[in-house]
Amino acid sequence: MQNRKFLLMIVMWLTGGVTLAQDPAVIKQYINSYKDFAIEEMQRTGVPAAIKLAQGIHETMAGTSDLVKKSNNHFGIKCKETWNGPSVKHDDDLQNECFRKYNSAEESYKDHSDFLKTRPRYAFLFNLDPTDYKGWAYGLKKAGYATNPKYPQVIIKLIEDYQLEDYTLIAMGKMKPKKEEVLAKANPEIIQQPVQKTTVNSRSVEPAFINQPGSELQKTDIKLTEPKTQPEIAAKKPQYPTGEFKINETRVVFAKQGAPFLAIAQQYNIPLAWLFDFNDMKETETLQQDQLLYLQRKRKTGLNEIHIVKPGENLYDIAQQEAIRLESLMEYNMLGSNMQPAVGEQLYLKTKAPSKPRLAIKENRTIYSLPENISGNHQTVKREAETIIYTVGHKETIWAIAQKYNVKMNDIVAWNQLQGHDLKAGQLLKIYK
């Protein structure tokens, strides 16, 4: 009986049955957790997202293996002679072998890409079409990535059973994200709440400057949400209620450009210095732009879990929209006051981000500098950059162009104000290098 069990284990290992017998729900959960990393890494290095996800599922038993739990090592990469980072001991081909240890899953996904990209024995794989997942699977085995003779079949079966090729196509811009995945990242647009207009007291400023409050005003608590659009597309400006309302349980009004700060402070019976302090601003006479003005100190955490950066937004704008203190927003996301996260990046509003967001490319134009009247040492970021005018070829994808110039797809979308990833032959694109 023991011999029979041993033989069964050998057969399962040879056929990849240990991974394939994993609960499909667990595998799908793994895919949902790490698909974005796989897409980002494909756009960065060219490693197909389908291959990366399938390898991650197989190597970690869909995130349940002892190795991944103690090391965040999703691809079974051993220390090798070039590794100087942290490590753990784990039994594999031999006892107590040295495996790389990472601070996060994202670090593991990035190191896996770099591992394949920088080693000559894997170089031939990058000459394959990214959608040739079978070629990649057999190529990995040929290059010595795994000792299991059935490794290619395991990877191919995972890709086909769980439609992982979709994520390769999404990364290449040939397929849009599934509807449920888009909705998971985007919340309903802000809804303007009805208010009751009443007579304004004698200390009110003129209507041209500020939306007036009333003594019987219906106050609402607005939850700011992301629009139902993809991150690259600029959202419509939210419409705020008239008079005083709340965002994240914090009192706020929407004031117009030119409104006198003293009049606002008097109208809402708060010291003028507090008004500037609550809104992270230097003292000045009038408001330089239409914006939210908080009447009490903002919270250390936002109402939402994350905020997706949209074109034209800077850290100050986001802090005001989400009713979170500017210093808390920067601390959670490991950002300085002169740093601008790239369009489409996720900023964490309640907890520390797993990694620093990708920053906007520094071009030969001013990019999203903070307003002059905001307190602190905020400097406009400027840098000279080479501008390339690129003509799109027949059936050429935005993914291929991004790879050619070693830039991000989202950057190309933002630079050219595209409404998606679809391109036409002969179309002209601006590329900044």
Protein backbone atom coordinates (compact mmCIF):
# COMPACT_ATOMS: atom_id res chain seq x y z
CA MET A 1 0.00 0.00 0.00
CA GLN A 2 2.81 2.41 0.85
CA ASN A 3 4.53 1.66 -2.46
CA ARG A 4 1.28 2.36 -4.29
CA LYS A 5 0.90 5.74 -2.54
CA PHE A 6 4.49 6.60 -3.37
CA LEU A 7 3.96 5.76 -7.04
CA LEU A 8 0.79 7.87 -7.08
CA MET A 9 2.70 10.83 -5.72
CA ILE A 10 5.37 10.39 -8.40
CA VAL A 11 2.72 10.32 -11.15
CA MET A 12 1.05 13.47 -9.77
CA TRP A 13 4.40 15.26 -9.67
CA LEU A 14 5.26 14.26 -13.23
CA THR A 15 1.89 15.41 -14.58
CA GLY A 16 1.62 18.55 -12.50
CA GLY A 17 -1.36 17.07 -10.64
CA VAL A 18 -0.37 18.66 -7.33
CA THR A 19 -1.10 22.11 -8.72
CA LEU A 20 -3.92 21.16 -11.05
CA ALA A 21 -5.76 19.45 -8.17
CA GLN A 22 -5.85 22.79 -6.36
CA ASP A 23 -9.31 24.20 -5.63
CA PRO A 24 -10.34 26.28 -8.70
CA ALA A 25 -11.72 28.98 -6.37
CA VAL A 26 -8.28 29.34 -4.77
CA ILE A 27 -6.63 29.59 -8.18
CA LYS A 28 -9.11 32.25 -9.31
CA GLN A 29 -8.47 34.18 -6.12
CA TYR A 30 -4.74 34.06 -6.86
CA ILE A 31 -5.35 35.34 -10.40
CA ASN A 32 -7.50 38.22 -9.15
CA SER A 33 -4.87 39.16 -6.58
CA TYR A 34 -1.87 39.24 -8.91
CA LYS A 35 -3.15 39.83 -12.47
CA ASP A 36 -2.37 43.55 -12.29
CA PHE A 37 1.27 42.83 -11.38
CA ALA A 38 1.50 40.42 -14.32
CA ILE A 39 0.07 43.00 -16.73
CA GLU A 40 2.37 45.75 -15.45
CA GLU A 41 5.43 43.53 -15.70
CA MET A 42 4.57 42.52 -19.25
CA GLN A 43 4.30 46.16 -20.20
CA ARG A 44 7.62 46.84 -18.47
CA THR A 45 9.71 43.89 -19.66
CA GLY A 46 7.75 41.84 -22.22
CA VAL A 47 7.30 38.67 -20.13
CA PRO A 48 3.79 37.48 -21.16
CA ALA A 49 1.24 38.02 -18.40
CA ALA A 50 -0.28 34.58 -19.05
CA ILE A 51 3.07 32.85 -18.56
CA LYS A 52 3.82 34.80 -15.38
CA LEU A 53 0.44 34.03 -13.80
CA ALA A 54 0.62 30.35 -14.73
CA GLN A 55 4.12 30.06 -13.28
CA GLY A 56 3.01 31.83 -10.13
CA ILE A 57 0.03 29.51 -9.68
CA HIS A 58 2.14 26.41 -10.24
CA GLU A 59 5.18 27.42 -8.19
CA THR A 60 3.14 28.55 -5.15
CA MET A 61 0.23 26.09 -5.35
CA ALA A 62 -1.94 29.17 -5.98
CA GLY A 63 -0.41 31.08 -3.08
CA THR A 64 -0.68 28.32 -0.49
CA SER A 65 2.83 26.82 -0.48
CA ASP A 66 5.10 27.04 2.56
CA LEU A 67 7.79 28.79 0.53
CA VAL A 68 5.60 31.67 -0.63
CA LYS A 69 4.13 32.15 2.84
CA LYS A 70 7.53 32.63 4.45
CA SER A 71 9.33 34.42 1.62
CA ASN A 72 6.86 36.06 -0.84
CA ASN A 73 8.79 34.09 -3.47
CA HIS A 74 6.17 33.39 -6.15
CA PHE A 75 8.44 31.80 -8.75
CA GLY A 76 10.70 29.47 -6.80
CA ILE A 77 13.81 31.47 -7.69
CA LYS A 78 16.84 30.26 -5.78
CA CYS A 79 19.53 32.56 -4.43
CA LYS A 80 22.08 31.95 -7.20
CA GLU A 81 25.52 33.51 -7.08
CA THR A 82 24.36 37.08 -7.77
CA TRP A 83 21.78 37.37 -4.99
CA ASN A 84 22.75 39.64 -2.07
CA GLY A 85 19.29 40.11 -0.60
CA PRO A 86 17.48 38.27 2.21
CA SER A 87 16.90 34.54 1.86
CA VAL A 88 15.21 31.52 3.44
CA LYS A 89 16.06 27.83 3.59
CA HIS A 90 13.63 25.43 1.94
CA ASP A 91 13.70 21.78 0.87
CA ASP A 92 13.44 21.40 -2.91
CA ASP A 93 15.69 19.25 -5.08
CA LEU A 94 17.98 19.13 -2.03
CA GLN A 95 17.47 19.83 1.64
CA ASN A 96 17.87 23.38 3.01
CA GLU A 97 18.37 25.07 -0.34
CA CYS A 98 18.70 28.85 -0.43
CA PHE A 99 15.70 30.74 -1.89
CA ARG A 100 15.25 34.46 -2.39
CA LYS A 101 13.05 36.32 0.07
CA TYR A 102 11.06 39.46 -0.81
CA ASN A 103 9.28 42.16 1.15
CA SER A 104 6.20 41.86 -1.05
CA ALA A 105 4.66 39.86 -3.87
CA GLU A 106 5.22 42.81 -6.19
CA GLU A 107 8.98 42.61 -5.57
CA SER A 108 8.88 38.92 -6.46
CA TYR A 109 6.99 39.62 -9.70
CA LYS A 110 9.52 42.29 -10.68
CA ASP A 111 12.54 40.15 -9.83
CA HIS A 112 11.13 37.26 -11.87
CA SER A 113 10.86 39.55 -14.91
CA ASP A 114 14.41 40.84 -14.41
CA PHE A 115 15.67 37.29 -13.85
CA LEU A 116 14.37 36.20 -17.26
CA LYS A 117 15.24 39.43 -19.03
CA THR A 118 18.88 39.62 -17.91
CA ARG A 119 20.03 36.01 -18.33
CA PRO A 120 21.33 35.10 -21.79
CA ARG A 121 19.84 31.61 -21.74
CA TYR A 122 16.32 33.09 -21.74
CA ALA A 123 17.05 35.74 -24.40
CA PHE A 124 15.55 33.68 -27.25
CA LEU A 125 12.16 33.71 -25.53
CA PHE A 126 11.79 37.45 -26.10
CA ASN A 127 12.01 36.88 -29.85
CA LEU A 128 8.79 34.86 -29.69
CA ASP A 129 5.40 36.44 -30.20
CA PRO A 130 4.05 37.31 -26.70
CA THR A 131 0.87 35.38 -27.50
CA ASP A 132 2.85 32.19 -28.23
CA TYR A 133 2.39 30.84 -24.72
CA LYS A 134 3.17 27.30 -25.83
CA GLY A 135 6.51 28.43 -27.26
CA TRP A 136 7.26 30.23 -24.00
CA ALA A 137 6.27 27.23 -21.88
CA TYR A 138 8.48 24.79 -23.79
CA GLY A 139 11.22 27.42 -24.03
CA LEU A 140 11.36 27.85 -20.25
CA LYS A 141 11.84 24.10 -19.83
CA LYS A 142 14.46 24.04 -22.58
CA ALA A 143 16.38 26.88 -20.90
CA GLY A 144 16.45 24.98 -17.63
CA TYR A 145 13.91 26.92 -15.58
CA ALA A 146 12.38 23.73 -14.14
CA THR A 147 13.38 20.09 -13.74
CA ASN A 148 9.86 18.68 -14.06
CA PRO A 149 9.68 17.05 -17.54
CA LYS A 150 5.95 17.91 -17.70
CA TYR A 151 6.49 21.56 -16.80
CA PRO A 152 5.37 22.94 -20.21
CA GLN A 153 2.16 20.91 -20.15
CA VAL A 154 1.37 22.17 -16.65
CA ILE A 155 1.83 25.80 -17.65
CA ILE A 156 -0.15 25.41 -20.88
CA LYS A 157 -3.04 23.69 -19.14
CA LEU A 158 -3.28 26.43 -16.51
CA ILE A 159 -3.30 29.10 -19.20
CA GLU A 160 -6.04 27.37 -21.17
CA ASP A 161 -8.17 26.27 -18.22
CA TYR A 162 -8.22 29.72 -16.63
CA GLN A 163 -8.10 31.89 -19.80
CA LEU A 164 -4.87 33.53 -18.70
CA GLU A 165 -4.11 34.53 -22.29
CA ASP A 166 -6.71 37.29 -21.83
CA TYR A 167 -4.29 39.14 -19.53
CA THR A 168 -1.54 39.01 -22.16
CA LEU A 169 -3.95 40.55 -24.66
CA ILE A 170 -5.03 43.20 -22.14
CA ALA A 171 -1.39 44.12 -21.52
CA MET A 172 -0.85 44.46 -25.28
CA GLY A 173 -3.91 46.66 -25.70
CA LYS A 174 -5.60 44.09 -27.92
CA MET A 175 -8.36 43.37 -25.43
CA LYS A 176 -10.22 45.51 -22.94
CA PRO A 177 -10.40 44.43 -19.26
CA LYS A 178 -13.42 42.35 -18.42
CA LYS A 179 -16.44 44.39 -17.40
CA GLU A 180 -16.48 43.11 -13.83
CA GLU A 181 -12.80 43.98 -13.41
CA VAL A 182 -13.35 47.54 -14.60
CA LEU A 183 -16.29 47.95 -12.24
CA ALA A 184 -14.22 46.63 -9.36
CA LYS A 185 -11.81 49.52 -9.86
CA ALA A 186 -14.36 52.24 -10.52
CA ASN A 187 -17.20 53.41 -8.30
CA PRO A 188 -20.35 55.33 -9.23
CA GLU A 189 -19.91 59.00 -10.03
CA ILE A 190 -20.60 61.49 -7.31
CA ILE A 191 -24.28 62.48 -7.09
CA GLN A 192 -25.24 66.04 -6.34
CA GLN A 193 -27.52 66.17 -3.33
CA PRO A 194 -30.53 68.52 -3.25
CA VAL A 195 -30.33 71.48 -0.88
CA GLN A 196 -32.84 73.94 0.49
CA LYS A 197 -32.13 77.56 -0.41
CA THR A 198 -32.65 80.07 2.43
CA THR A 199 -31.90 83.67 3.17
CA VAL A 200 -28.21 84.36 3.70
CA ASN A 201 -27.07 86.16 6.80
CA SER A 202 -25.49 89.59 6.56
CA ARG A 203 -21.95 88.27 6.75
CA SER A 204 -22.24 86.13 3.64
CA VAL A 205 -20.01 86.81 0.67
CA GLU A 206 -21.43 87.49 -2.77
CA PRO A 207 -22.88 84.51 -4.69
CA ALA A 208 -20.30 85.08 -7.40
CA PHE A 209 -17.64 84.00 -4.92
CA ILE A 210 -19.12 81.13 -2.90
CA ASN A 211 -22.10 78.82 -2.72
CA GLN A 212 -24.20 80.22 0.11
CA PRO A 213 -25.24 78.17 3.18
CA GLY A 214 -28.67 78.44 4.78
CA SER A 215 -29.80 78.11 8.37
CA GLU A 216 -31.94 75.08 7.51
CA LEU A 217 -29.59 73.62 4.91
CA GLN A 218 -29.76 69.88 4.40
CA LYS A 219 -26.17 68.76 5.06
CA THR A 220 -24.88 65.74 3.23
CA ASP A 221 -21.82 63.54 3.63
CA ILE A 222 -20.30 63.05 0.17
CA LYS A 223 -18.31 59.91 -0.54
CA LEU A 224 -15.92 60.76 -3.33
CA THR A 225 -15.62 57.97 -5.82
CA GLU A 226 -13.77 57.19 -9.02
CA PRO A 227 -15.75 57.59 -12.28
CA LYS A 228 -16.73 54.62 -14.39
CA THR A 229 -13.85 55.10 -16.78
CA GLN A 230 -10.46 53.53 -17.30
CA PRO A 231 -7.64 55.17 -15.27
CA GLU A 232 -6.07 56.78 -18.35
CA ILE A 233 -9.20 58.78 -19.24
CA ALA A 234 -9.79 62.09 -17.49
CA ALA A 235 -12.94 62.15 -15.38
CA LYS A 236 -15.63 64.80 -15.40
CA LYS A 237 -15.31 67.35 -12.61
CA PRO A 238 -17.56 66.41 -9.67
CA GLN A 239 -20.57 68.59 -8.93
CA TYR A 240 -20.70 69.67 -5.29
CA PRO A 241 -23.78 70.68 -3.27
CA THR A 242 -24.53 74.32 -2.51
CA GLY A 243 -23.41 75.58 0.89
CA GLU A 244 -21.85 73.53 3.65
CA PHE A 245 -21.72 69.74 3.33
CA LYS A 246 -19.43 66.94 4.47
CA ILE A 247 -16.79 64.73 2.88
CA ASN A 248 -15.34 61.96 5.05
CA GLU A 249 -17.23 63.42 8.04
CA THR A 250 -15.39 66.73 7.58
CA ARG A 251 -17.19 70.08 7.11
CA VAL A 252 -16.46 71.67 3.75
CA VAL A 253 -17.72 74.21 1.21
CA PHE A 254 -16.99 74.58 -2.49
CA ALA A 255 -15.70 78.13 -3.04
CA LYS A 256 -15.23 80.06 -6.27
CA GLN A 257 -12.07 81.73 -7.59
CA GLY A 258 -11.67 85.24 -6.15
CA ALA A 259 -13.56 84.53 -2.92
CA PRO A 260 -12.05 86.55 0.01
CA PHE A 261 -10.70 84.21 2.68
CA LEU A 262 -11.60 86.66 5.46
CA ALA A 263 -15.24 86.72 4.39
CA ILE A 264 -15.36 82.91 4.29
CA ALA A 265 -13.79 82.67 7.75
CA GLN A 266 -16.26 85.20 9.15
CA GLN A 267 -19.25 83.54 7.51
CA TYR A 268 -18.45 80.18 9.06
CA ASN A 269 -17.21 81.65 12.33
CA ILE A 270 -13.71 80.16 12.31
CA PRO A 271 -10.36 81.96 12.81
CA LEU A 272 -8.77 82.98 9.51
CA ALA A 273 -5.47 81.25 10.39
CA TRP A 274 -7.33 78.00 10.95
CA LEU A 275 -8.90 78.17 7.48
CA PHE A 276 -5.44 78.29 5.88
CA ASP A 277 -4.14 75.57 8.19
CA PHE A 278 -7.06 73.20 7.52
CA ASN A 279 -6.45 73.52 3.77
CA ASP A 280 -2.62 73.35 3.72
CA MET A 281 -2.37 76.86 2.28
CA LYS A 282 -0.25 79.96 2.75
CA GLU A 283 -2.03 83.11 3.85
CA THR A 284 -3.38 85.20 0.99
CA GLU A 285 -6.34 87.49 0.38
CA THR A 286 -8.43 85.68 -2.23
CA LEU A 287 -8.86 82.18 -3.61
CA GLN A 288 -6.83 81.61 -6.78
CA GLN A 289 -9.02 78.82 -8.18
CA ASP A 290 -12.36 77.08 -7.67
CA GLN A 291 -11.83 74.48 -4.97
CA LEU A 292 -13.00 72.73 -1.83
CA LEU A 293 -12.30 74.58 1.42
CA TYR A 294 -12.46 72.62 4.67
CA LEU A 295 -13.90 74.24 7.78
CA GLN A 296 -12.29 71.77 10.15
CA ARG A 297 -9.13 69.68 10.08
CA LYS A 298 -9.20 66.82 7.57
CA ARG A 299 -8.91 63.19 8.64
CA LYS A 300 -5.72 61.16 8.76
CA THR A 301 -7.41 58.49 6.64
CA GLY A 302 -9.64 58.79 3.59
CA LEU A 303 -13.19 57.54 3.18
CA ASN A 304 -12.17 55.35 0.21
CA GLU A 305 -9.49 52.66 0.24
CA ILE A 306 -7.64 53.96 -2.83
CA HIS A 307 -7.63 56.83 -5.31
CA ILE A 308 -6.70 56.31 -8.97
CA VAL A 309 -4.69 59.27 -10.29
CA LYS A 310 -6.36 61.05 -13.20
CA PRO A 311 -4.80 63.45 -15.73
CA GLY A 312 -4.21 66.91 -14.29
CA GLU A 313 -4.38 65.86 -10.65
CA ASN A 314 -1.62 66.55 -8.14
CA LEU A 315 -1.20 65.40 -4.55
CA TYR A 316 -2.88 68.53 -3.18
CA ASP A 317 -5.93 68.06 -5.42
CA ILE A 318 -6.28 64.45 -4.31
CA ALA A 319 -5.91 65.31 -0.62
CA GLN A 320 -8.68 67.91 -0.97
CA GLN A 321 -10.98 65.61 -2.95
CA GLU A 322 -10.60 62.74 -0.51
CA ALA A 323 -10.65 64.88 2.68
CA ILE A 324 -7.35 63.44 3.86
CA ARG A 325 -4.42 65.38 5.30
CA LEU A 326 -1.74 66.03 2.70
CA GLU A 327 1.05 64.75 4.96
CA SER A 328 -0.88 61.50 5.57
CA LEU A 329 -1.40 60.96 1.84
CA MET A 330 2.32 61.41 1.16
CA GLU A 331 3.32 59.21 4.10
CA TYR A 332 1.03 56.32 3.11
CA ASN A 333 2.41 56.33 -0.43
CA MET A 334 6.08 57.11 0.31
CA LEU A 335 5.98 60.36 -1.66
CA GLY A 336 7.66 63.72 -1.23
CA SER A 337 5.98 67.07 -1.83
CA ASN A 338 7.72 67.48 -5.19
CA MET A 339 6.76 64.02 -6.49
CA GLN A 340 3.92 63.49 -8.96
CA PRO A 341 2.43 59.98 -9.29
CA ALA A 342 1.74 58.88 -12.85
CA VAL A 343 -1.76 58.80 -14.32
CA GLY A 344 -3.50 55.52 -13.51
CA GLU A 345 -1.46 54.81 -10.37
CA GLN A 346 -3.25 53.76 -7.19
CA LEU A 347 -2.76 55.90 -4.08
CA TYR A 348 -3.61 54.33 -0.74
CA LEU A 349 -5.78 56.41 1.60
CA LYS A 350 -6.07 54.27 4.73
CA THR A 351 -2.97 52.09 4.95
CA LYS A 352 0.63 52.17 3.81
CA ALA A 353 1.04 51.27 0.15
CA PRO A 354 2.90 48.02 -0.63
CA SER A 355 5.29 50.04 -2.82
CA LYS A 356 5.87 53.58 -4.06
CA PRO A 357 3.66 54.46 -7.04
CA ARG A 358 5.23 54.96 -10.45
CA LEU A 359 6.03 58.64 -10.93
CA ALA A 360 5.04 60.80 -13.90
CA ILE A 361 7.74 61.16 -16.52
CA LYS A 362 9.59 64.46 -16.31
CA GLU A 363 9.16 66.23 -19.64
CA ASN A 364 10.12 69.49 -21.27
CA ARG A 365 6.95 71.02 -19.95
CA THR A 366 5.55 71.74 -16.49
CA ILE A 367 3.75 68.68 -15.13
CA TYR A 368 1.08 69.08 -12.49
CA SER A 369 3.01 71.45 -10.20
CA LEU A 370 1.32 72.29 -6.89
CA PRO A 371 -0.45 75.68 -6.70
CA GLU A 372 1.72 78.57 -5.56
CA ASN A 373 -0.39 79.37 -2.50
CA ILE A 374 0.00 75.89 -0.95
CA SER A 375 2.26 75.85 2.09
CA GLY A 376 5.55 73.97 2.10
CA ASN A 377 8.56 73.69 -0.16
CA HIS A 378 6.72 72.76 -3.37
CA GLN A 379 8.70 73.27 -6.55
CA THR A 380 7.62 73.00 -10.17
CA VAL A 381 9.23 69.99 -11.87
CA LYS A 382 10.77 70.77 -15.27
CA ARG A 383 13.16 68.83 -17.44
CA GLU A 384 14.14 68.88 -21.08
CA ALA A 385 13.05 65.77 -22.98
CA GLU A 386 13.40 64.53 -26.55
CA THR A 387 10.09 64.54 -28.42
CA ILE A 388 9.57 61.84 -31.05
CA ILE A 389 6.71 61.96 -33.56
CA TYR A 390 5.92 58.31 -34.35
CA THR A 391 3.78 57.06 -37.23
CA VAL A 392 1.75 53.96 -36.35
CA GLY A 393 2.27 51.05 -38.72
CA HIS A 394 -0.27 48.54 -40.05
CA LYS A 395 -1.73 46.42 -37.18
CA GLU A 396 0.84 47.91 -34.79
CA THR A 397 -0.17 47.89 -31.12
CA ILE A 398 0.43 50.44 -28.42
CA TRP A 399 2.14 47.66 -26.45
CA ALA A 400 4.69 47.11 -29.23
CA ILE A 401 5.40 50.84 -29.49
CA ALA A 402 5.86 51.11 -25.72
CA GLN A 403 8.33 48.21 -25.83
CA LYS A 404 10.21 49.78 -28.74
CA TYR A 405 10.83 53.04 -26.86
CA ASN A 406 10.98 51.53 -23.34
CA VAL A 407 8.09 53.63 -22.05
CA LYS A 408 4.77 52.82 -20.38
CA MET A 409 1.57 52.28 -22.33
CA ASN A 410 -0.31 54.55 -19.92
CA ASP A 411 2.20 57.33 -20.61
CA ILE A 412 1.60 57.10 -24.36
CA VAL A 413 -2.15 57.27 -23.70
CA ALA A 414 -1.73 60.33 -21.46
CA TRP A 415 0.74 62.15 -23.77
CA ASN A 416 -1.61 61.80 -26.72
CA GLN A 417 -4.92 62.14 -24.83
CA LEU A 418 -6.13 58.83 -26.24
CA GLN A 419 -9.49 57.39 -25.24
CA GLY A 420 -8.15 53.83 -25.07
CA HIS A 421 -5.53 51.56 -26.59
CA ASP A 422 -6.90 51.29 -30.14
CA LEU A 423 -4.61 52.71 -32.85
CA LYS A 424 -4.99 53.27 -36.60
CA ALA A 425 -2.34 52.88 -39.27
CA GLY A 426 -0.83 56.28 -40.08
CA GLN A 427 -1.80 57.79 -36.74
CA LEU A 428 0.84 60.17 -35.28
CA LEU A 429 1.92 59.73 -31.66
CA LYS A 430 4.11 61.89 -29.43
CA ILE A 431 6.76 59.94 -27.52
CA TYR A 432 8.86 61.63 -24.84
CA LYS A 433 12.32 60.22 -24.12
